[in-house]
């Protein structure tokens, strides 16, 4: 009657790993939202966009859409939040949504940012509109 102990009188049960079916990738669960590259659906139902900002450009535009991030050149200097405001304005115009529906979630002082879009657009539609407006 040997028993493994964890230093306590009663050990909590160890977590069981779920069985991975043949149609499911290891590490992914059915409850996890599917990611479509840099655009995904977050837990609140909003669309999240991973952006690599390039401030100080001559004009605002989408330079590339890779699997990691959407490259956006911004026609504003990276001072006093000017580039962030221009980024929100530009993405709202590209996605054809109101500026109030686009918000900066993470990365206010970084070039790598996460923006949230609160609209009825699907991640696939957002990605299509971003690719369509690529320079």
C-alpha atoms as a PDB file:
ATOM      1  CA  UNK A   1       0.000   0.000   0.000  1.00  0.00           C
ATOM      2  CA  UNK A   2       2.636   2.514  -1.024  1.00  0.00           C
ATOM      3  CA  UNK A   3       1.386   5.990  -1.739  1.00  0.00           C
ATOM      4  CA  UNK A   4       3.102   8.901  -3.439  1.00  0.00           C
ATOM      5  CA  UNK A   5       3.108  11.961  -1.251  1.00  0.00           C
ATOM      6  CA  UNK A   6       3.530  15.598  -2.004  1.00  0.00           C
ATOM      7  CA  UNK A   7       4.500  16.634   1.526  1.00  0.00           C
ATOM      8  CA  UNK A   8       0.903  16.932   2.693  1.00  0.00           C
ATOM      9  CA  UNK A   9      -1.320  14.406   4.300  1.00  0.00           C
ATOM     10  CA  UNK A  10      -3.641  14.241   1.300  1.00  0.00           C
ATOM     11  CA  UNK A  11      -2.307  15.111  -2.127  1.00  0.00           C
ATOM     12  CA  UNK A  12      -4.500  16.842  -4.683  1.00  0.00           C
ATOM     13  CA  UNK A  13      -5.221  14.684  -7.709  1.00  0.00           C
ATOM     14  CA  UNK A  14      -2.909  15.244 -10.628  1.00  0.00           C
ATOM     15  CA  UNK A  15      -4.543  16.863 -13.653  1.00  0.00           C
ATOM     16  CA  UNK A  16      -5.503  14.439 -16.386  1.00  0.00           C
ATOM     17  CA  UNK A  17      -4.500  15.261 -19.950  1.00  0.00           C
ATOM     18  CA  UNK A  18      -7.445  15.091 -22.334  1.00  0.00           C
ATOM     19  CA  UNK A  19      -7.273  12.430 -25.006  1.00  0.00           C
ATOM     20  CA  UNK A  20      -6.395  13.905 -28.397  1.00  0.00           C
ATOM     21  CA  UNK A  21      -8.636  12.684 -31.174  1.00  0.00           C
ATOM     22  CA  UNK A  22      -7.270  12.024 -34.636  1.00  0.00           C
ATOM     23  CA  UNK A  23      -8.946  15.140 -36.068  1.00  0.00           C
ATOM     24  CA  UNK A  24      -7.537  17.469 -33.440  1.00  0.00           C
ATOM     25  CA  UNK A  25      -4.036  18.861 -33.140  1.00  0.00           C
ATOM     26  CA  UNK A  26      -2.065  18.236 -29.963  1.00  0.00           C
ATOM     27  CA  UNK A  27      -2.236  21.247 -27.669  1.00  0.00           C
ATOM     28  CA  UNK A  28      -5.461  22.602 -29.185  1.00  0.00           C
ATOM     29  CA  UNK A  29      -8.806  22.160 -27.539  1.00  0.00           C
ATOM     30  CA  UNK A  30     -12.275  22.458 -28.983  1.00  0.00           C
ATOM     31  CA  UNK A  31     -13.073  25.438 -26.724  1.00  0.00           C
ATOM     32  CA  UNK A  32     -10.085  27.435 -27.999  1.00  0.00           C
ATOM     33  CA  UNK A  33     -10.951  29.958 -30.723  1.00  0.00           C
ATOM     34  CA  UNK A  34      -9.221  29.303 -34.006  1.00  0.00           C
ATOM     35  CA  UNK A  35      -6.544  31.760 -34.994  1.00  0.00           C
ATOM     36  CA  UNK A  36      -6.320  33.104 -38.517  1.00  0.00           C
ATOM     37  CA  UNK A  37      -2.756  34.378 -38.361  1.00  0.00           C
ATOM     38  CA  UNK A  38      -2.484  37.876 -36.879  1.00  0.00           C
ATOM     39  CA  UNK A  39      -6.279  38.198 -36.572  1.00  0.00           C
ATOM     40  CA  UNK A  40      -8.217  36.183 -33.991  1.00  0.00           C
ATOM     41  CA  UNK A  41     -11.380  36.172 -31.918  1.00  0.00           C
ATOM     42  CA  UNK A  42     -10.784  36.883 -28.225  1.00  0.00           C
ATOM     43  CA  UNK A  43     -12.779  35.619 -25.249  1.00  0.00           C
ATOM     44  CA  UNK A  44     -15.138  38.603 -25.186  1.00  0.00           C
ATOM     45  CA  UNK A  45     -16.123  38.034 -28.819  1.00  0.00           C
ATOM     46  CA  UNK A  46     -14.099  40.968 -30.171  1.00  0.00           C
ATOM     47  CA  UNK A  47     -11.607  40.632 -32.999  1.00  0.00           C
ATOM     48  CA  UNK A  48      -7.943  41.071 -31.982  1.00  0.00           C
ATOM     49  CA  UNK A  49      -5.314  42.196 -34.497  1.00  0.00           C
ATOM     50  CA  UNK A  50      -1.570  41.863 -33.889  1.00  0.00           C
ATOM     51  CA  UNK A  51       0.103  44.892 -35.489  1.00  0.00           C
ATOM     52  CA  UNK A  52       3.759  45.736 -36.116  1.00  0.00           C
ATOM     53  CA  UNK A  53       3.736  49.538 -36.276  1.00  0.00           C
ATOM     54  CA  UNK A  54       6.224  51.535 -38.331  1.00  0.00           C
ATOM     55  CA  UNK A  55       5.758  55.177 -37.262  1.00  0.00           C
ATOM     56  CA  UNK A  56       7.244  58.198 -39.007  1.00  0.00           C
ATOM     57  CA  UNK A  57       6.336  57.115 -42.548  1.00  0.00           C
ATOM     58  CA  UNK A  58       5.320  59.521 -45.321  1.00  0.00           C
ATOM     59  CA  UNK A  59       1.839  58.006 -45.539  1.00  0.00           C
ATOM     60  CA  UNK A  60      -0.208  55.465 -43.613  1.00  0.00           C
ATOM     61  CA  UNK A  61      -0.664  52.060 -45.214  1.00  0.00           C
ATOM     62  CA  UNK A  62      -0.575  48.329 -44.679  1.00  0.00           C
ATOM     63  CA  UNK A  63       2.826  47.061 -45.766  1.00  0.00           C
ATOM     64  CA  UNK A  64       2.361  43.311 -45.259  1.00  0.00           C
ATOM     65  CA  UNK A  65       0.146  40.677 -43.673  1.00  0.00           C
ATOM     66  CA  UNK A  66       2.280  37.820 -42.321  1.00  0.00           C
ATOM     67  CA  UNK A  67       1.432  34.915 -40.038  1.00  0.00           C
ATOM     68  CA  UNK A  68       2.777  36.833 -37.011  1.00  0.00           C
ATOM     69  CA  UNK A  69       1.533  40.403 -37.492  1.00  0.00           C
ATOM     70  CA  UNK A  70       0.057  43.008 -39.805  1.00  0.00           C
ATOM     71  CA  UNK A  71       2.717  45.540 -40.809  1.00  0.00           C
ATOM     72  CA  UNK A  72       1.336  49.086 -40.777  1.00  0.00           C
ATOM     73  CA  UNK A  73       3.304  52.203 -41.704  1.00  0.00           C
ATOM     74  CA  UNK A  74       2.002  55.234 -39.819  1.00  0.00           C
ATOM     75  CA  UNK A  75       2.209  58.842 -41.013  1.00  0.00           C
ATOM     76  CA  UNK A  76       2.743  60.242 -37.520  1.00  0.00           C
ATOM     77  CA  UNK A  77       5.725  60.504 -35.179  1.00  0.00           C
ATOM     78  CA  UNK A  78       5.956  58.080 -32.243  1.00  0.00           C
ATOM     79  CA  UNK A  79       5.542  60.862 -29.673  1.00  0.00           C
ATOM     80  CA  UNK A  80       2.692  61.753 -27.300  1.00  0.00           C
ATOM     81  CA  UNK A  81       0.501  58.945 -28.635  1.00  0.00           C
ATOM     82  CA  UNK A  82       0.221  60.538 -32.088  1.00  0.00           C
ATOM     83  CA  UNK A  83       1.174  57.327 -33.888  1.00  0.00           C
ATOM     84  CA  UNK A  84      -1.325  55.295 -31.833  1.00  0.00           C
ATOM     85  CA  UNK A  85      -4.135  57.747 -32.630  1.00  0.00           C
ATOM     86  CA  UNK A  86      -3.252  57.674 -36.334  1.00  0.00           C
ATOM     87  CA  UNK A  87      -3.063  53.863 -36.268  1.00  0.00           C
ATOM     88  CA  UNK A  88      -6.572  53.630 -34.789  1.00  0.00           C
ATOM     89  CA  UNK A  89      -7.917  56.192 -37.281  1.00  0.00           C
ATOM     90  CA  UNK A  90      -6.297  54.406 -40.225  1.00  0.00           C
ATOM     91  CA  UNK A  91      -7.423  50.889 -39.255  1.00  0.00           C
ATOM     92  CA  UNK A  92     -10.966  52.144 -38.622  1.00  0.00           C
ATOM     93  CA  UNK A  93     -11.047  53.548 -42.158  1.00  0.00           C
ATOM     94  CA  UNK A  94      -9.584  50.344 -43.677  1.00  0.00           C
ATOM     95  CA  UNK A  95     -12.053  48.122 -41.817  1.00  0.00           C
ATOM     96  CA  UNK A  96     -14.937  50.562 -42.448  1.00  0.00           C
ATOM     97  CA  UNK A  97     -15.885  50.819 -38.761  1.00  0.00           C
ATOM     98  CA  UNK A  98     -16.147  53.766 -36.358  1.00  0.00           C
ATOM     99  CA  UNK A  99     -12.993  54.933 -34.577  1.00  0.00           C
ATOM    100  CA  UNK A 100     -14.705  54.221 -31.268  1.00  0.00           C
ATOM    101  CA  UNK A 101     -14.946  50.532 -32.239  1.00  0.00           C
ATOM    102  CA  UNK A 102     -11.151  50.198 -32.542  1.00  0.00           C
ATOM    103  CA  UNK A 103      -9.063  50.327 -29.377  1.00  0.00           C
ATOM    104  CA  UNK A 104      -5.457  49.715 -28.413  1.00  0.00           C
ATOM    105  CA  UNK A 105      -5.380  46.703 -26.096  1.00  0.00           C
ATOM    106  CA  UNK A 106      -1.615  46.231 -25.557  1.00  0.00           C
ATOM    107  CA  UNK A 107       1.614  47.867 -26.654  1.00  0.00           C
ATOM    108  CA  UNK A 108       0.970  51.587 -26.312  1.00  0.00           C
ATOM    109  CA  UNK A 109       4.728  52.239 -26.110  1.00  0.00           C
ATOM    110  CA  UNK A 110       5.890  49.355 -28.299  1.00  0.00           C
ATOM    111  CA  UNK A 111       6.005  48.739 -32.030  1.00  0.00           C
ATOM    112  CA  UNK A 112       4.250  45.411 -31.524  1.00  0.00           C
ATOM    113  CA  UNK A 113       0.654  46.154 -30.605  1.00  0.00           C
ATOM    114  CA  UNK A 114      -2.646  44.342 -30.139  1.00  0.00           C
ATOM    115  CA  UNK A 115      -5.751  46.202 -31.263  1.00  0.00           C
ATOM    116  CA  UNK A 116      -9.333  45.173 -30.551  1.00  0.00           C
ATOM    117  CA  UNK A 117     -12.233  45.701 -32.956  1.00  0.00           C
ATOM    118  CA  UNK A 118     -15.708  45.662 -31.380  1.00  0.00           C
ATOM    119  CA  UNK A 119     -17.990  45.040 -34.348  1.00  0.00           C
ATOM    120  CA  UNK A 120     -19.943  42.293 -36.049  1.00  0.00           C
ATOM    121  CA  UNK A 121     -17.034  41.581 -38.423  1.00  0.00           C
ATOM    122  CA  UNK A 122     -15.619  38.062 -38.352  1.00  0.00           C
ATOM    123  CA  UNK A 123     -11.846  37.511 -38.090  1.00  0.00           C
ATOM    124  CA  UNK A 124     -11.878  36.176 -41.659  1.00  0.00           C
ATOM    125  CA  UNK A 125     -13.586  39.351 -42.944  1.00  0.00           C
ATOM    126  CA  UNK A 126     -11.130  41.577 -41.047  1.00  0.00           C
ATOM    127  CA  UNK A 127      -8.197  39.648 -42.525  1.00  0.00           C
ATOM    128  CA  UNK A 128      -9.710  39.900 -46.026  1.00  0.00           C
ATOM    129  CA  UNK A 129     -10.107  43.689 -45.706  1.00  0.00           C
ATOM    130  CA  UNK A 130      -6.548  44.070 -44.400  1.00  0.00           C
ATOM    131  CA  UNK A 131      -5.100  42.010 -47.264  1.00  0.00           C
ATOM    132  CA  UNK A 132      -7.234  43.905 -49.784  1.00  0.00           C
ATOM    133  CA  UNK A 133      -5.746  47.245 -48.715  1.00  0.00           C
ATOM    134  CA  UNK A 134      -2.110  46.071 -48.683  1.00  0.00           C
ATOM    135  CA  UNK A 135       0.152  48.568 -50.492  1.00  0.00           C
END
